C-alpha atoms as a PDB file:
ATOM      1  CA  UNK A   1     -64.180 -14.237  75.416  1.00  0.00           C
ATOM      2  CA  UNK A   2     -60.639 -13.845  76.727  1.00  0.00           C
ATOM      3  CA  UNK A   3     -59.881 -17.395  75.550  1.00  0.00           C
ATOM      4  CA  UNK A   4     -60.916 -16.355  72.028  1.00  0.00           C
ATOM      5  CA  UNK A   5     -58.577 -13.344  72.140  1.00  0.00           C
ATOM      6  CA  UNK A   6     -55.726 -15.509  73.405  1.00  0.00           C
ATOM      7  CA  UNK A   7     -56.355 -18.155  70.733  1.00  0.00           C
ATOM      8  CA  UNK A   8     -56.484 -15.551  67.959  1.00  0.00           C
ATOM      9  CA  UNK A   9     -53.325 -13.879  69.255  1.00  0.00           C
ATOM     10  CA  UNK A  10     -51.470 -17.206  69.325  1.00  0.00           C
ATOM     11  CA  UNK A  11     -52.736 -18.027  65.814  1.00  0.00           C
ATOM     12  CA  UNK A  12     -51.585 -14.614  64.554  1.00  0.00           C
ATOM     13  CA  UNK A  13     -48.136 -15.067  66.094  1.00  0.00           C
ATOM     14  CA  UNK A  14     -47.923 -18.555  64.584  1.00  0.00           C
ATOM     15  CA  UNK A  15     -48.779 -17.188  61.128  1.00  0.00           C
ATOM     16  CA  UNK A  16     -46.168 -14.452  61.528  1.00  0.00           C
ATOM     17  CA  UNK A  17     -43.536 -16.995  62.589  1.00  0.00           C
ATOM     18  CA  UNK A  18     -44.361 -19.284  59.673  1.00  0.00           C
ATOM     19  CA  UNK A  19     -44.151 -16.314  57.288  1.00  0.00           C
ATOM     20  CA  UNK A  20     -40.552 -15.814  58.418  1.00  0.00           C
ATOM     21  CA  UNK A  21     -39.654 -19.474  58.235  1.00  0.00           C
ATOM     22  CA  UNK A  22     -41.180 -20.243  54.816  1.00  0.00           C
ATOM     23  CA  UNK A  23     -38.642 -21.173  52.134  1.00  0.00           C
ATOM     24  CA  UNK A  24     -40.683 -19.852  49.195  1.00  0.00           C
ATOM     25  CA  UNK A  25     -41.814 -16.260  48.871  1.00  0.00           C
ATOM     26  CA  UNK A  26     -45.350 -17.139  47.719  1.00  0.00           C
ATOM     27  CA  UNK A  27     -45.925 -19.281  50.815  1.00  0.00           C
ATOM     28  CA  UNK A  28     -44.537 -16.507  52.991  1.00  0.00           C
ATOM     29  CA  UNK A  29     -46.897 -13.968  51.396  1.00  0.00           C
ATOM     30  CA  UNK A  30     -49.860 -16.262  52.074  1.00  0.00           C
ATOM     31  CA  UNK A  31     -48.878 -16.710  55.726  1.00  0.00           C
ATOM     32  CA  UNK A  32     -48.589 -12.931  56.002  1.00  0.00           C
ATOM     33  CA  UNK A  33     -52.104 -12.600  54.548  1.00  0.00           C
ATOM     34  CA  UNK A  34     -53.352 -15.051  57.178  1.00  0.00           C
ATOM     35  CA  UNK A  35     -51.707 -12.975  59.901  1.00  0.00           C
ATOM     36  CA  UNK A  36     -53.386  -9.847  58.566  1.00  0.00           C
ATOM     37  CA  UNK A  37     -56.776 -11.587  58.363  1.00  0.00           C
ATOM     38  CA  UNK A  38     -56.527 -12.744  61.986  1.00  0.00           C
ATOM     39  CA  UNK A  39     -55.524  -9.228  63.021  1.00  0.00           C
ATOM     40  CA  UNK A  40     -58.618  -7.861  61.307  1.00  0.00           C
ATOM     41  CA  UNK A  41     -60.764 -10.371  63.235  1.00  0.00           C
ATOM     42  CA  UNK A  42     -59.178  -9.176  66.479  1.00  0.00           C
ATOM     43  CA  UNK A  43     -59.838  -5.549  65.548  1.00  0.00           C
ATOM     44  CA  UNK A  44     -63.446  -6.384  64.748  1.00  0.00           C
ATOM     45  CA  UNK A  45     -63.931  -8.135  68.092  1.00  0.00           C
ATOM     46  CA  UNK A  46     -62.418  -5.148  69.887  1.00  0.00           C
ATOM     47  CA  UNK A  47     -64.974  -2.854  68.278  1.00  0.00           C
ATOM     48  CA  UNK A  48     -62.786  -1.159  65.663  1.00  0.00           C
ATOM     49  CA  UNK A  49     -65.032  -2.112  62.750  1.00  0.00           C
ATOM     50  CA  UNK A  50     -63.670   0.385  60.222  1.00  0.00           C
ATOM     51  CA  UNK A  51     -60.057  -0.454  60.983  1.00  0.00           C
ATOM     52  CA  UNK A  52     -60.875  -4.160  60.709  1.00  0.00           C
ATOM     53  CA  UNK A  53     -62.358  -3.668  57.253  1.00  0.00           C
ATOM     54  CA  UNK A  54     -59.401  -1.553  56.123  1.00  0.00           C
ATOM     55  CA  UNK A  55     -56.910  -4.092  57.497  1.00  0.00           C
ATOM     56  CA  UNK A  56     -58.705  -6.930  55.756  1.00  0.00           C
ATOM     57  CA  UNK A  57     -58.972  -5.132  52.417  1.00  0.00           C
ATOM     58  CA  UNK A  58     -55.526  -3.528  52.349  1.00  0.00           C
ATOM     59  CA  UNK A  59     -53.438  -5.829  54.546  1.00  0.00           C
ATOM     60  CA  UNK A  60     -54.814  -9.197  53.526  1.00  0.00           C
ATOM     61  CA  UNK A  61     -56.096  -8.241  50.082  1.00  0.00           C
ATOM     62  CA  UNK A  62     -54.148  -5.532  48.287  1.00  0.00           C
ATOM     63  CA  UNK A  63     -50.728  -6.206  49.810  1.00  0.00           C
ATOM     64  CA  UNK A  64     -51.012  -9.946  49.174  1.00  0.00           C
ATOM     65  CA  UNK A  65     -52.015  -9.377  45.561  1.00  0.00           C
ATOM     66  CA  UNK A  66     -49.063  -7.001  45.099  1.00  0.00           C
ATOM     67  CA  UNK A  67     -46.656  -9.501  46.680  1.00  0.00           C
ATOM     68  CA  UNK A  68     -47.884 -12.369  44.516  1.00  0.00           C
ATOM     69  CA  UNK A  69     -47.766 -10.187  41.402  1.00  0.00           C
ATOM     70  CA  UNK A  70     -44.229  -8.979  42.166  1.00  0.00           C
ATOM     71  CA  UNK A  71     -43.025 -12.493  42.994  1.00  0.00           C
ATOM     72  CA  UNK A  72     -44.502 -13.868  39.784  1.00  0.00           C
ATOM     73  CA  UNK A  73     -42.669 -11.199  37.775  1.00  0.00           C
ATOM     74  CA  UNK A  74     -39.347 -11.303  39.636  1.00  0.00           C
ATOM     75  CA  UNK A  75     -39.256 -15.038  40.276  1.00  0.00           C
ATOM     76  CA  UNK A  76     -39.145 -17.054  43.458  1.00  0.00           C
ATOM     77  CA  UNK A  77     -35.445 -17.449  44.049  1.00  0.00           C
ATOM     78  CA  UNK A  78     -34.430 -18.013  47.627  1.00  0.00           C
ATOM     79  CA  UNK A  79     -31.106 -16.545  48.635  1.00  0.00           C
ATOM     80  CA  UNK A  80     -29.130 -17.009  51.801  1.00  0.00           C
ATOM     81  CA  UNK A  81     -28.464 -13.694  53.518  1.00  0.00           C
ATOM     82  CA  UNK A  82     -26.743 -13.019  56.779  1.00  0.00           C
ATOM     83  CA  UNK A  83     -28.601 -10.846  59.227  1.00  0.00           C
ATOM     84  CA  UNK A  84     -27.172  -7.395  59.863  1.00  0.00           C
ATOM     85  CA  UNK A  85     -28.509  -7.477  63.443  1.00  0.00           C
ATOM     86  CA  UNK A  86     -26.715  -9.783  65.884  1.00  0.00           C
ATOM     87  CA  UNK A  87     -28.861 -12.683  67.065  1.00  0.00           C
ATOM     88  CA  UNK A  88     -28.986 -11.694  70.803  1.00  0.00           C
ATOM     89  CA  UNK A  89     -30.138  -8.164  69.971  1.00  0.00           C
ATOM     90  CA  UNK A  90     -32.812  -9.487  67.612  1.00  0.00           C
ATOM     91  CA  UNK A  91     -33.992 -11.895  70.326  1.00  0.00           C
ATOM     92  CA  UNK A  92     -34.211  -9.091  72.906  1.00  0.00           C
ATOM     93  CA  UNK A  93     -36.148  -6.843  70.511  1.00  0.00           C
ATOM     94  CA  UNK A  94     -38.533  -9.703  69.700  1.00  0.00           C
ATOM     95  CA  UNK A  95     -39.144 -10.475  73.377  1.00  0.00           C
ATOM     96  CA  UNK A  96     -39.795  -6.813  74.190  1.00  0.00           C
ATOM     97  CA  UNK A  97     -42.246  -6.611  71.279  1.00  0.00           C
ATOM     98  CA  UNK A  98     -44.075  -9.758  72.433  1.00  0.00           C
ATOM     99  CA  UNK A  99     -44.279  -8.453  76.008  1.00  0.00           C
ATOM    100  CA  UNK A 100     -45.644  -5.109  74.803  1.00  0.00           C
ATOM    101  CA  UNK A 101     -48.164  -6.866  72.571  1.00  0.00           C
ATOM    102  CA  UNK A 102     -49.312  -9.021  75.487  1.00  0.00           C
ATOM    103  CA  UNK A 103     -49.584  -5.996  77.784  1.00  0.00           C
ATOM    104  CA  UNK A 104     -51.621  -4.062  75.226  1.00  0.00           C
ATOM    105  CA  UNK A 105     -53.864  -7.080  74.567  1.00  0.00           C
ATOM    106  CA  UNK A 106     -54.524  -7.671  78.256  1.00  0.00           C
ATOM    107  CA  UNK A 107     -55.104  -3.981  78.954  1.00  0.00           C
ATOM    108  CA  UNK A 108     -57.615  -3.823  76.085  1.00  0.00           C
ATOM    109  CA  UNK A 109     -59.680  -6.553  77.720  1.00  0.00           C
ATOM    110  CA  UNK A 110     -60.340  -4.386  80.781  1.00  0.00           C
ATOM    111  CA  UNK A 111     -63.784  -2.853  80.487  1.00  0.00           C
ATOM    112  CA  UNK A 112     -63.700   0.897  80.025  1.00  0.00           C
ATOM    113  CA  UNK A 113     -66.529   3.144  81.223  1.00  0.00           C
ATOM    114  CA  UNK A 114     -69.035   3.971  78.486  1.00  0.00           C
ATOM    115  CA  UNK A 115     -68.159   7.133  76.636  1.00  0.00           C
ATOM    116  CA  UNK A 116     -70.407   9.569  74.837  1.00  0.00           C
ATOM    117  CA  UNK A 117     -70.868   8.760  71.199  1.00  0.00           C
ATOM    118  CA  UNK A 118     -69.100  11.037  68.724  1.00  0.00           C
ATOM    119  CA  UNK A 119     -70.114  11.883  65.185  1.00  0.00           C
ATOM    120  CA  UNK A 120     -68.646  10.007  62.253  1.00  0.00           C
ATOM    121  CA  UNK A 121     -66.633  12.968  60.957  1.00  0.00           C
ATOM    122  CA  UNK A 122     -65.223  13.657  64.419  1.00  0.00           C
ATOM    123  CA  UNK A 123     -64.070  10.067  64.803  1.00  0.00           C
ATOM    124  CA  UNK A 124     -62.750   9.899  61.255  1.00  0.00           C
ATOM    125  CA  UNK A 125     -60.717  13.101  61.145  1.00  0.00           C
ATOM    126  CA  UNK A 126     -59.890  13.850  64.783  1.00  0.00           C
ATOM    127  CA  UNK A 127     -59.416  10.435  66.335  1.00  0.00           C
ATOM    128  CA  UNK A 128     -58.460   8.425  63.242  1.00  0.00           C
ATOM    129  CA  UNK A 129     -56.910  11.119  61.062  1.00  0.00           C
ATOM    130  CA  UNK A 130     -53.491   9.486  61.032  1.00  0.00           C
ATOM    131  CA  UNK A 131     -55.058   6.159  60.020  1.00  0.00           C
ATOM    132  CA  UNK A 132     -56.773   7.851  57.094  1.00  0.00           C
ATOM    133  CA  UNK A 133     -53.526   9.473  55.963  1.00  0.00           C
ATOM    134  CA  UNK A 134     -51.627   6.187  56.196  1.00  0.00           C
ATOM    135  CA  UNK A 135     -54.332   4.314  54.262  1.00  0.00           C
ATOM    136  CA  UNK A 136     -54.378   7.015  51.588  1.00  0.00           C
ATOM    137  CA  UNK A 137     -50.593   6.815  51.297  1.00  0.00           C
ATOM    138  CA  UNK A 138     -50.705   3.017  51.032  1.00  0.00           C
ATOM    139  CA  UNK A 139     -53.341   3.106  48.317  1.00  0.00           C
ATOM    140  CA  UNK A 140     -51.396   5.767  46.392  1.00  0.00           C
ATOM    141  CA  UNK A 141     -48.173   3.744  46.686  1.00  0.00           C
ATOM    142  CA  UNK A 142     -49.985   0.616  45.506  1.00  0.00           C
ATOM    143  CA  UNK A 143     -51.404   2.378  42.456  1.00  0.00           C
ATOM    144  CA  UNK A 144     -48.026   3.882  41.564  1.00  0.00           C
ATOM    145  CA  UNK A 145     -46.342   0.500  42.095  1.00  0.00           C
ATOM    146  CA  UNK A 146     -48.812  -1.284  39.838  1.00  0.00           C
ATOM    147  CA  UNK A 147     -48.429   1.396  37.176  1.00  0.00           C
ATOM    148  CA  UNK A 148     -44.646   1.020  37.412  1.00  0.00           C
ATOM    149  CA  UNK A 149     -44.869  -2.746  37.088  1.00  0.00           C
ATOM    150  CA  UNK A 150     -47.220  -2.604  34.128  1.00  0.00           C
ATOM    151  CA  UNK A 151     -45.451   0.175  32.223  1.00  0.00           C
ATOM    152  CA  UNK A 152     -43.337  -0.652  29.194  1.00  0.00           C
ATOM    153  CA  UNK A 153     -39.605  -0.769  29.717  1.00  0.00           C
ATOM    154  CA  UNK A 154     -37.673   1.835  27.767  1.00  0.00           C
ATOM    155  CA  UNK A 155     -34.162   1.011  26.587  1.00  0.00           C
ATOM    156  CA  UNK A 156     -31.622   3.590  27.767  1.00  0.00           C
ATOM    157  CA  UNK A 157     -29.814   5.572  25.067  1.00  0.00           C
ATOM    158  CA  UNK A 158     -26.411   4.192  26.063  1.00  0.00           C
ATOM    159  CA  UNK A 159     -27.482   0.605  25.349  1.00  0.00           C
ATOM    160  CA  UNK A 160     -28.695   1.571  21.883  1.00  0.00           C
ATOM    161  CA  UNK A 161     -25.323   3.102  21.029  1.00  0.00           C
ATOM    162  CA  UNK A 162     -23.227   0.220  22.366  1.00  0.00           C
ATOM    163  CA  UNK A 163     -25.276  -2.582  20.817  1.00  0.00           C
ATOM    164  CA  UNK A 164     -23.583  -2.477  17.345  1.00  0.00           C
ATOM    165  CA  UNK A 165     -20.135  -2.486  18.926  1.00  0.00           C
ATOM    166  CA  UNK A 166     -20.992  -5.626  20.880  1.00  0.00           C
ATOM    167  CA  UNK A 167     -22.289  -7.300  17.712  1.00  0.00           C
ATOM    168  CA  UNK A 168     -19.081  -6.410  15.843  1.00  0.00           C
ATOM    169  CA  UNK A 169     -17.020  -7.989  18.615  1.00  0.00           C
ATOM    170  CA  UNK A 170     -19.093 -11.133  18.418  1.00  0.00           C
ATOM    171  CA  UNK A 171     -18.407 -11.342  14.662  1.00  0.00           C
ATOM    172  CA  UNK A 172     -22.012 -10.779  13.598  1.00  0.00           C
ATOM    173  CA  UNK A 173     -22.886  -8.352  10.810  1.00  0.00           C
ATOM    174  CA  UNK A 174     -24.546  -5.135  11.888  1.00  0.00           C
ATOM    175  CA  UNK A 175     -27.791  -4.329  10.125  1.00  0.00           C
ATOM    176  CA  UNK A 176     -28.716  -0.675  10.449  1.00  0.00           C
ATOM    177  CA  UNK A 177     -32.361   0.307  10.116  1.00  0.00           C
ATOM    178  CA  UNK A 178     -33.177   2.225   6.958  1.00  0.00           C
ATOM    179  CA  UNK A 179     -34.235   5.793   7.555  1.00  0.00           C
ATOM    180  CA  UNK A 180     -36.362   7.932   5.321  1.00  0.00           C
ATOM    181  CA  UNK A 181     -33.323   9.930   4.126  1.00  0.00           C
ATOM    182  CA  UNK A 182     -31.386   6.755   3.208  1.00  0.00           C
ATOM    183  CA  UNK A 183     -34.365   5.447   1.265  1.00  0.00           C
ATOM    184  CA  UNK A 184     -34.637   8.738  -0.692  1.00  0.00           C
ATOM    185  CA  UNK A 185     -30.896   8.674  -1.489  1.00  0.00           C
ATOM    186  CA  UNK A 186     -31.200   5.175  -2.957  1.00  0.00           C
ATOM    187  CA  UNK A 187     -34.139   6.212  -5.149  1.00  0.00           C
END
């Protein structure tokens, strides 16, 4: 069983590394979904069934769909950016994170004494209350983000006023829309 945990952990770290190294954003989003799916398998094997389902549905499902949707709207342009964190500091932070992840993984493999079983509401709101709040916040942010992406763009008032001036500079005739009052004056 410990070999399975080690293999899944290595596969998850490989997916995370490949998500960073991918040149295209779509490929990176898919590697991130794979990392989230492997994490949900690990959570399931550790006995956190509800968290595994939430991670699979939100992490691998909803977030991936939002990434792909946003990338398809914005375009997949790769840009070269310099890191704001110096390379040695980033390496130290990464190593500390990997060591902590390994320590937590190994310590979770140690068998704990059986505990008394709690009720569902006690587990949900007392032991996993923060998880529920975070999941609710993520779902709310996803809904608001989708509504923002699908809403119609409104042209600011300033652009409406400056548009005829730009057309005059370009040498094109300006055609003003006929209003109801102008139509009545002509009649």
